[in-house]
PDB file of N, CA and C in Angstrom:
ATOM      1  N   MET A   1     -25.793   8.744   6.279  1.00  0.00           N
ATOM      2  CA  MET A   1     -24.572   9.277   5.511  1.00  0.00           C
ATOM      3  C   MET A   1     -23.265   8.668   6.018  1.00  0.00           C
ATOM      4  N   THR A   2     -23.496   8.098   7.310  1.00  0.00           N
ATOM      5  CA  THR A   2     -21.673   7.572   7.211  1.00  0.00           C
ATOM      6  C   THR A   2     -21.719   6.286   6.788  1.00  0.00           C
ATOM      7  N   VAL A   3     -22.963   5.503   6.663  1.00  0.00           N
ATOM      8  CA  VAL A   3     -22.627   4.304   5.916  1.00  0.00           C
ATOM      9  C   VAL A   3     -22.399   4.459   4.415  1.00  0.00           C
ATOM     10  N   PHE A   4     -23.130   5.512   3.797  1.00  0.00           N
ATOM     11  CA  PHE A   4     -22.487   5.700   2.319  1.00  0.00           C
ATOM     12  C   PHE A   4     -20.869   6.127   2.528  1.00  0.00           C
ATOM     13  N   LEU A   5     -20.163   6.736   3.500  1.00  0.00           N
ATOM     14  CA  LEU A   5     -19.220   7.069   3.598  1.00  0.00           C
ATOM     15  C   LEU A   5     -17.864   5.726   3.348  1.00  0.00           C
ATOM     16  N   ALA A   6     -18.719   4.873   4.240  1.00  0.00           N
ATOM     17  CA  ALA A   6     -17.951   3.741   4.589  1.00  0.00           C
ATOM     18  C   ALA A   6     -17.857   2.621   3.208  1.00  0.00           C
ATOM     19  N   ILE A   7     -19.336   2.752   2.717  1.00  0.00           N
ATOM     20  CA  ILE A   7     -19.252   1.838   1.896  1.00  0.00           C
ATOM     21  C   ILE A   7     -18.540   2.587   0.068  1.00  0.00           C
ATOM     22  N   ALA A   8     -18.327   3.842   0.530  1.00  0.00           N
ATOM     23  CA  ALA A   8     -17.161   4.821  -0.596  1.00  0.00           C
ATOM     24  C   ALA A   8     -15.974   4.362  -0.301  1.00  0.00           C
ATOM     25  N   LEU A   9     -15.520   4.413   0.952  1.00  0.00           N
ATOM     26  CA  LEU A   9     -14.683   4.235   1.103  1.00  0.00           C
ATOM     27  C   LEU A   9     -13.863   2.702   1.210  1.00  0.00           C
ATOM     28  N   THR A  10     -14.800   1.772   1.195  1.00  0.00           N
ATOM     29  CA  THR A  10     -14.129   0.741   1.274  1.00  0.00           C
ATOM     30  C   THR A  10     -14.420   0.119  -0.369  1.00  0.00           C
ATOM     31  N   SER A  11     -14.823   0.252  -1.146  1.00  0.00           N
ATOM     32  CA  SER A  11     -15.173   0.257  -1.939  1.00  0.00           C
ATOM     33  C   SER A  11     -14.034   1.226  -3.244  1.00  0.00           C
ATOM     34  N   LEU A  12     -13.198   2.285  -2.751  1.00  0.00           N
ATOM     35  CA  LEU A  12     -12.579   2.662  -3.793  1.00  0.00           C
ATOM     36  C   LEU A  12     -10.929   1.734  -2.876  1.00  0.00           C
ATOM     37  N   LEU A  13     -10.705   1.495  -1.400  1.00  0.00           N
ATOM     38  CA  LEU A  13      -9.775   0.961  -1.506  1.00  0.00           C
ATOM     39  C   LEU A  13      -9.781  -0.565  -1.929  1.00  0.00           C
ATOM     40  N   SER A  14     -10.737  -0.830  -2.076  1.00  0.00           N
ATOM     41  CA  SER A  14     -10.639  -2.509  -2.932  1.00  0.00           C
ATOM     42  C   SER A  14     -10.282  -2.317  -4.633  1.00  0.00           C
ATOM     43  N   VAL A  15     -10.958  -1.174  -5.213  1.00  0.00           N
ATOM     44  CA  VAL A  15     -10.447  -0.986  -6.364  1.00  0.00           C
ATOM     45  C   VAL A  15      -9.019  -0.566  -6.675  1.00  0.00           C
ATOM     46  N   THR A  16      -8.604   0.327  -5.465  1.00  0.00           N
ATOM     47  CA  THR A  16      -6.774   0.989  -5.516  1.00  0.00           C
ATOM     48  C   THR A  16      -6.439  -0.663  -5.347  1.00  0.00           C
ATOM     49  N   ALA A  17      -6.273  -1.569  -4.544  1.00  0.00           N
ATOM     50  CA  ALA A  17      -5.679  -2.968  -4.420  1.00  0.00           C
ATOM     51  C   ALA A  17      -5.854  -3.349  -5.732  1.00  0.00           C
ATOM     52  N   LEU A  18      -7.405  -3.865  -5.885  1.00  0.00           N
ATOM     53  CA  LEU A  18      -7.282  -4.606  -7.345  1.00  0.00           C
ATOM     54  C   LEU A  18      -6.216  -4.158  -8.292  1.00  0.00           C
ATOM     55  N   LEU A  19      -6.110  -2.953  -8.619  1.00  0.00           N
ATOM     56  CA  LEU A  19      -5.071  -2.116  -9.592  1.00  0.00           C
ATOM     57  C   LEU A  19      -3.986  -2.670  -9.047  1.00  0.00           C
ATOM     58  N   ALA A  20      -3.364  -2.316  -7.927  1.00  0.00           N
ATOM     59  CA  ALA A  20      -2.161  -2.288  -8.028  1.00  0.00           C
ATOM     60  C   ALA A  20      -1.678  -3.762  -7.626  1.00  0.00           C
ATOM     61  N   LEU A  21      -2.842  -5.037  -7.377  1.00  0.00           N
ATOM     62  CA  LEU A  21      -2.458  -6.031  -7.972  1.00  0.00           C
ATOM     63  C   LEU A  21      -2.295  -6.998  -9.205  1.00  0.00           C
ATOM     64  N   ALA A  22      -3.215  -6.278  -9.854  1.00  0.00           N
ATOM     65  CA  ALA A  22      -2.805  -6.206 -11.459  1.00  0.00           C
ATOM     66  C   ALA A  22      -1.743  -5.862 -11.944  1.00  0.00           C
ATOM     67  N   ARG A  23      -1.163  -4.400 -11.601  1.00  0.00           N
ATOM     68  CA  ARG A  23      -0.061  -4.395 -12.131  1.00  0.00           C
ATOM     69  C   ARG A  23       1.332  -5.026 -11.743  1.00  0.00           C
ATOM     70  N   LEU A  24       0.859  -5.933 -10.054  1.00  0.00           N
ATOM     71  CA  LEU A  24       2.015  -6.582  -9.785  1.00  0.00           C
ATOM     72  C   LEU A  24       2.214  -7.737 -10.555  1.00  0.00           C
ATOM     73  N   TYR A  25       0.451  -8.379 -10.976  1.00  0.00           N
ATOM     74  CA  TYR A  25       0.902  -9.402 -11.421  1.00  0.00           C
ATOM     75  C   TYR A  25       1.586  -9.208 -13.120  1.00  0.00           C
ATOM     76  N   ARG A  26       0.955  -8.110 -14.016  1.00  0.00           N
ATOM     77  CA  ARG A  26       1.326  -7.915 -14.983  1.00  0.00           C
ATOM     78  C   ARG A  26       2.419  -7.235 -15.482  1.00  0.00           C
ATOM     79  N   GLY A  27       3.530  -6.526 -14.520  1.00  0.00           N
ATOM     80  CA  GLY A  27       4.449  -5.390 -14.458  1.00  0.00           C
ATOM     81  C   GLY A  27       5.671  -6.123 -15.538  1.00  0.00           C
ATOM     82  N   PRO A  28       5.727  -5.556 -16.483  1.00  0.00           N
ATOM     83  CA  PRO A  28       6.463  -6.005 -17.751  1.00  0.00           C
ATOM     84  C   PRO A  28       8.157  -6.052 -16.886  1.00  0.00           C
ATOM     85  N   SER A  29       8.346  -4.712 -15.740  1.00  0.00           N
ATOM     86  CA  SER A  29       9.604  -4.767 -15.353  1.00  0.00           C
ATOM     87  C   SER A  29       9.620  -5.487 -13.831  1.00  0.00           C
ATOM     88  N   LEU A  30      11.086  -5.327 -13.424  1.00  0.00           N
ATOM     89  CA  LEU A  30      10.732  -5.186 -12.180  1.00  0.00           C
ATOM     90  C   LEU A  30      10.517  -4.355 -11.264  1.00  0.00           C
ATOM     91  N   LEU A  31      10.836  -3.054 -11.605  1.00  0.00           N
ATOM     92  CA  LEU A  31      10.594  -1.530 -11.230  1.00  0.00           C
ATOM     93  C   LEU A  31       9.055  -1.475 -11.154  1.00  0.00           C
ATOM     94  N   ASP A  32       8.361  -1.794 -12.532  1.00  0.00           N
ATOM     95  CA  ASP A  32       6.768  -1.675 -12.366  1.00  0.00           C
ATOM     96  C   ASP A  32       6.469  -2.457 -11.125  1.00  0.00           C
ATOM     97  N   ARG A  33       7.058  -3.778 -11.060  1.00  0.00           N
ATOM     98  CA  ARG A  33       6.147  -4.419  -9.885  1.00  0.00           C
ATOM     99  C   ARG A  33       6.291  -3.846  -8.291  1.00  0.00           C
ATOM    100  N   VAL A  34       8.019  -3.394  -8.086  1.00  0.00           N
ATOM    101  CA  VAL A  34       7.991  -2.905  -7.071  1.00  0.00           C
ATOM    102  C   VAL A  34       7.554  -1.625  -6.583  1.00  0.00           C
ATOM    103  N   VAL A  35       6.851  -1.089  -7.910  1.00  0.00           N
ATOM    104  CA  VAL A  35       5.816   0.467  -7.400  1.00  0.00           C
ATOM    105  C   VAL A  35       4.553  -0.316  -7.342  1.00  0.00           C
ATOM    106  N   ALA A  36       4.075  -0.982  -7.632  1.00  0.00           N
ATOM    107  CA  ALA A  36       2.803  -1.722  -7.294  1.00  0.00           C
ATOM    108  C   ALA A  36       2.753  -2.121  -6.209  1.00  0.00           C
ATOM    109  N   ALA A  37       3.872  -2.851  -5.727  1.00  0.00           N
ATOM    110  CA  ALA A  37       3.952  -3.607  -4.139  1.00  0.00           C
ATOM    111  C   ALA A  37       3.841  -2.257  -3.417  1.00  0.00           C
ATOM    112  N   ASP A  38       4.720  -1.063  -3.718  1.00  0.00           N
ATOM    113  CA  ASP A  38       4.599  -0.110  -2.724  1.00  0.00           C
ATOM    114  C   ASP A  38       2.926   0.890  -2.863  1.00  0.00           C
ATOM    115  N   MET A  39       2.529   0.772  -3.461  1.00  0.00           N
ATOM    116  CA  MET A  39       0.846   1.076  -3.988  1.00  0.00           C
ATOM    117  C   MET A  39       0.047   0.328  -3.071  1.00  0.00           C
ATOM    118  N   LEU A  40       0.246  -1.162  -3.177  1.00  0.00           N
ATOM    119  CA  LEU A  40      -0.286  -1.815  -2.370  1.00  0.00           C
ATOM    120  C   LEU A  40      -0.186  -2.156  -1.143  1.00  0.00           C
ATOM    121  N   LEU A  41       0.921  -1.287  -0.761  1.00  0.00           N
ATOM    122  CA  LEU A  41       1.345  -1.400   0.956  1.00  0.00           C
ATOM    123  C   LEU A  41       0.798  -0.140   1.580  1.00  0.00           C
ATOM    124  N   ALA A  42       0.695   0.959   0.353  1.00  0.00           N
ATOM    125  CA  ALA A  42       0.387   2.371   0.759  1.00  0.00           C
ATOM    126  C   ALA A  42      -1.575   2.248   1.203  1.00  0.00           C
ATOM    127  N   THR A  43      -1.992   1.272   0.369  1.00  0.00           N
ATOM    128  CA  THR A  43      -3.217   0.918   0.116  1.00  0.00           C
ATOM    129  C   THR A  43      -3.634   0.640   1.727  1.00  0.00           C
ATOM    130  N   MET A  44      -2.783  -1.161   1.830  1.00  0.00           N
ATOM    131  CA  MET A  44      -3.210  -1.016   3.371  1.00  0.00           C
ATOM    132  C   MET A  44      -2.908  -0.038   4.641  1.00  0.00           C
ATOM    133  N   VAL A  45      -2.102   0.766   4.330  1.00  0.00           N
ATOM    134  CA  VAL A  45      -1.623   1.746   5.475  1.00  0.00           C
ATOM    135  C   VAL A  45      -3.217   2.559   5.103  1.00  0.00           C
ATOM    136  N   GLY A  46      -3.619   3.463   4.489  1.00  0.00           N
ATOM    137  CA  GLY A  46      -4.532   3.898   4.271  1.00  0.00           C
ATOM    138  C   GLY A  46      -5.827   3.233   5.009  1.00  0.00           C
ATOM    139  N   ALA A  47      -6.147   2.001   4.639  1.00  0.00           N
ATOM    140  CA  ALA A  47      -7.118   1.271   5.267  1.00  0.00           C
ATOM    141  C   ALA A  47      -7.300   0.925   7.024  1.00  0.00           C
ATOM    142  N   VAL A  48      -5.760   0.610   7.237  1.00  0.00           N
ATOM    143  CA  VAL A  48      -5.570   0.610   8.758  1.00  0.00           C
ATOM    144  C   VAL A  48      -5.879   1.899   9.196  1.00  0.00           C
ATOM    145  N   GLY A  49      -5.613   2.701   8.327  1.00  0.00           N
ATOM    146  CA  GLY A  49      -5.600   4.378   9.539  1.00  0.00           C
ATOM    147  C   GLY A  49      -7.210   4.653   9.084  1.00  0.00           C
ATOM    148  N   ALA A  50      -7.694   4.551   8.176  1.00  0.00           N
ATOM    149  CA  ALA A  50      -9.451   4.693   7.861  1.00  0.00           C
ATOM    150  C   ALA A  50     -10.062   3.906   8.894  1.00  0.00           C
ATOM    151  N   GLU A  51      -9.587   2.660   9.394  1.00  0.00           N
ATOM    152  CA  GLU A  51     -10.180   1.789  10.507  1.00  0.00           C
ATOM    153  C   GLU A  51      -9.768   2.547  11.608  1.00  0.00           C
ATOM    154  N   ALA A  52      -8.635   2.976  12.037  1.00  0.00           N
ATOM    155  CA  ALA A  52      -8.607   3.576  13.221  1.00  0.00           C
ATOM    156  C   ALA A  52      -9.019   4.823  13.597  1.00  0.00           C
ATOM    157  N   ALA A  53      -9.297   5.651  12.610  1.00  0.00           N
ATOM    158  CA  ALA A  53      -9.900   6.640  12.663  1.00  0.00           C
ATOM    159  C   ALA A  53     -11.427   6.960  12.762  1.00  0.00           C
ATOM    160  N   VAL A  54     -12.263   5.854  12.125  1.00  0.00           N
ATOM    161  CA  VAL A  54     -13.624   5.334  12.341  1.00  0.00           C
ATOM    162  C   VAL A  54     -14.050   4.988  13.784  1.00  0.00           C
ATOM    163  N   ASN A  55     -13.279   4.191  13.815  1.00  0.00           N
ATOM    164  CA  ASN A  55     -13.354   3.419  15.405  1.00  0.00           C
ATOM    165  C   ASN A  55     -12.520   4.683  16.498  1.00  0.00           C
ATOM    166  N   ARG A  56     -12.376   5.306  16.093  1.00  0.00           N
ATOM    167  CA  ARG A  56     -11.227   6.629  17.214  1.00  0.00           C
ATOM    168  C   ARG A  56     -10.801   5.734  18.321  1.00  0.00           C
ATOM    169  N   HIS A  57      -9.371   4.720  17.480  1.00  0.00           N
ATOM    170  CA  HIS A  57      -8.814   4.618  18.638  1.00  0.00           C
ATOM    171  C   HIS A  57      -7.340   4.387  18.276  1.00  0.00           C
ATOM    172  N   ALA A  58      -6.515   4.498  18.733  1.00  0.00           N
ATOM    173  CA  ALA A  58      -4.604   4.902  18.640  1.00  0.00           C
ATOM    174  C   ALA A  58      -3.911   3.654  19.011  1.00  0.00           C
ATOM    175  N   THR A  59      -4.444   2.773  19.043  1.00  0.00           N
ATOM    176  CA  THR A  59      -3.501   1.269  19.143  1.00  0.00           C
ATOM    177  C   THR A  59      -3.065   0.508  17.969  1.00  0.00           C
ATOM    178  N   THR A  60      -3.578   1.411  16.577  1.00  0.00           N
ATOM    179  CA  THR A  60      -2.857   0.451  15.341  1.00  0.00           C
ATOM    180  C   THR A  60      -1.682   1.511  15.227  1.00  0.00           C
ATOM    181  N   LEU A  61      -1.664   2.766  15.900  1.00  0.00           N
ATOM    182  CA  LEU A  61      -0.521   3.474  15.204  1.00  0.00           C
ATOM    183  C   LEU A  61       0.950   2.784  15.459  1.00  0.00           C
ATOM    184  N   PRO A  62       1.219   1.703  15.956  1.00  0.00           N
ATOM    185  CA  PRO A  62       2.407   0.819  16.283  1.00  0.00           C
ATOM    186  C   PRO A  62       2.292   0.070  14.427  1.00  0.00           C
ATOM    187  N   VAL A  63       1.146  -0.317  14.300  1.00  0.00           N
ATOM    188  CA  VAL A  63       1.174  -1.074  12.849  1.00  0.00           C
ATOM    189  C   VAL A  63       1.615  -0.105  12.002  1.00  0.00           C
ATOM    190  N   LEU A  64       0.437   1.083  11.893  1.00  0.00           N
ATOM    191  CA  LEU A  64       0.807   1.798  10.667  1.00  0.00           C
ATOM    192  C   LEU A  64       2.437   2.590  10.616  1.00  0.00           C
ATOM    193  N   VAL A  65       3.142   2.500  11.513  1.00  0.00           N
ATOM    194  CA  VAL A  65       4.369   2.901  11.559  1.00  0.00           C
ATOM    195  C   VAL A  65       5.656   1.946  11.157  1.00  0.00           C
ATOM    196  N   VAL A  66       4.829   0.462  11.385  1.00  0.00           N
ATOM    197  CA  VAL A  66       5.825  -0.321  10.639  1.00  0.00           C
ATOM    198  C   VAL A  66       5.683  -0.831   9.382  1.00  0.00           C
ATOM    199  N   LEU A  67       4.656  -0.600   8.988  1.00  0.00           N
ATOM    200  CA  LEU A  67       3.818  -0.836   7.953  1.00  0.00           C
ATOM    201  C   LEU A  67       4.560   0.255   6.850  1.00  0.00           C
ATOM    202  N   ALA A  68       4.651   1.612   7.211  1.00  0.00           N
ATOM    203  CA  ALA A  68       5.375   2.825   6.654  1.00  0.00           C
ATOM    204  C   ALA A  68       6.810   2.234   6.164  1.00  0.00           C
ATOM    205  N   LEU A  69       7.549   1.722   7.300  1.00  0.00           N
ATOM    206  CA  LEU A  69       9.112   1.640   7.665  1.00  0.00           C
ATOM    207  C   LEU A  69       9.179   0.341   6.548  1.00  0.00           C
ATOM    208  N   LEU A  70       8.111  -0.705   6.549  1.00  0.00           N
ATOM    209  CA  LEU A  70       8.686  -1.626   5.806  1.00  0.00           C
ATOM    210  C   LEU A  70       8.505  -1.143   4.147  1.00  0.00           C
ATOM    211  N   GLY A  71       7.643  -0.103   4.116  1.00  0.00           N
ATOM    212  CA  GLY A  71       6.913  -0.225   2.597  1.00  0.00           C
ATOM    213  C   GLY A  71       8.407   0.674   1.790  1.00  0.00           C
ATOM    214  N   PHE A  72       9.072   1.946   2.707  1.00  0.00           N
ATOM    215  CA  PHE A  72      10.048   2.347   2.424  1.00  0.00           C
ATOM    216  C   PHE A  72      11.397   1.804   2.468  1.00  0.00           C
ATOM    217  N   VAL A  73      11.499   1.152   3.507  1.00  0.00           N
ATOM    218  CA  VAL A  73      13.064   0.056   3.039  1.00  0.00           C
ATOM    219  C   VAL A  73      13.205  -0.914   2.170  1.00  0.00           C
ATOM    220  N   GLY A  74      11.558  -1.512   2.211  1.00  0.00           N
ATOM    221  CA  GLY A  74      11.509  -2.365   1.162  1.00  0.00           C
ATOM    222  C   GLY A  74      11.971  -1.814  -0.384  1.00  0.00           C
ATOM    223  N   SER A  75      11.355  -0.574  -0.645  1.00  0.00           N
ATOM    224  CA  SER A  75      11.271  -0.014  -2.252  1.00  0.00           C
ATOM    225  C   SER A  75      12.751   0.437  -2.036  1.00  0.00           C
ATOM    226  N   VAL A  76      13.178   1.138  -0.800  1.00  0.00           N
ATOM    227  CA  VAL A  76      14.792   1.518  -1.492  1.00  0.00           C
ATOM    228  C   VAL A  76      15.695   0.401  -1.714  1.00  0.00           C
ATOM    229  N   SER A  77      15.254  -0.548  -1.185  1.00  0.00           N
ATOM    230  CA  SER A  77      16.473  -1.836  -1.138  1.00  0.00           C
ATOM    231  C   SER A  77      15.985  -2.232  -2.694  1.00  0.00           C
ATOM    232  N   LEU A  78      15.460  -2.497  -3.006  1.00  0.00           N
ATOM    233  CA  LEU A  78      15.040  -2.980  -4.443  1.00  0.00           C
ATOM    234  C   LEU A  78      15.187  -2.086  -5.468  1.00  0.00           C
ATOM    235  N   VAL A  79      14.989  -1.127  -5.529  1.00  0.00           N
ATOM    236  CA  VAL A  79      15.861  -0.185  -6.143  1.00  0.00           C
ATOM    237  C   VAL A  79      17.437  -0.287  -6.182  1.00  0.00           C
ATOM    238  N   ARG A  80      17.981  -0.431  -4.968  1.00  0.00           N
ATOM    239  CA  ARG A  80      19.319  -0.140  -5.185  1.00  0.00           C
ATOM    240  C   ARG A  80      19.579  -1.652  -5.820  1.00  0.00           C
ATOM    241  N   PHE A  81      19.147  -2.760  -5.150  1.00  0.00           N
ATOM    242  CA  PHE A  81      19.221  -3.811  -6.196  1.00  0.00           C
ATOM    243  C   PHE A  81      19.058  -4.166  -7.599  1.00  0.00           C
ATOM    244  N   ALA A  82      18.137  -3.247  -8.107  1.00  0.00           N
ATOM    245  CA  ALA A  82      17.750  -3.115  -9.647  1.00  0.00           C
ATOM    246  C   ALA A  82      18.741  -2.119 -10.391  1.00  0.00           C
ATOM    247  N   VAL A  83      19.400  -1.525  -9.662  1.00  0.00           N
ATOM    248  CA  VAL A  83      20.096  -0.183 -10.462  1.00  0.00           C
ATOM    249  C   VAL A  83      21.711  -0.997 -10.019  1.00  0.00           C
ATOM    250  N   ARG A  84      21.856  -1.781  -9.783  1.00  0.00           N
ATOM    251  CA  ARG A  84      23.408  -2.874  -9.268  1.00  0.00           C
ATOM    252  C   ARG A  84      22.923  -3.524 -10.289  1.00  0.00           C
ATOM    253  N   ASP A  85      22.014  -4.092 -10.433  1.00  0.00           N
ATOM    254  CA  ASP A  85      22.329  -5.499 -11.383  1.00  0.00           C
ATOM    255  C   ASP A  85      21.988  -5.111 -13.041  1.00  0.00           C
ATOM    256  N   ARG A  86      22.265  -3.889 -13.328  1.00  0.00           N
ATOM    257  CA  ARG A  86      22.090  -3.389 -14.897  1.00  0.00           C
ATOM    258  C   ARG A  86      23.586  -3.027 -15.402  1.00  0.00           C
ATOM    259  N   PRO A  87      23.665  -3.411 -16.432  1.00  0.00           N
ATOM    260  CA  PRO A  87      24.964  -3.580 -16.907  1.00  0.00           C
ATOM    261  C   PRO A  87      26.099  -2.093 -17.061  1.00  0.00           C
TER     262      PRO A  87
END
C-alpha cells in the first residue's frame, strides 16, 4: 500500500510540475507566467514536504520556510512590477 501511495504522489506531483512548466512556456502574458512560476514553486514545496513526512524528519523545515517566503515575495514583487508597467 505504501509503494502505491508513493507512486501516486510522485506521478501527481510530476504532472502538476509539467503542466506548470507548459503554462510558464506558453503563457501569453506576464501574469500567466507569474502564476505558473508560483504553482511550480508550490509543487516543489509539496514535494519537499511529502518527502519530509515520508522519511519522518524535520530537518527540511527551514528549506520549506525559505521556499514559501521566496514564492510569496517573488509573486508580490512581480505583480507590483506588472501593475506599475501598465499605462
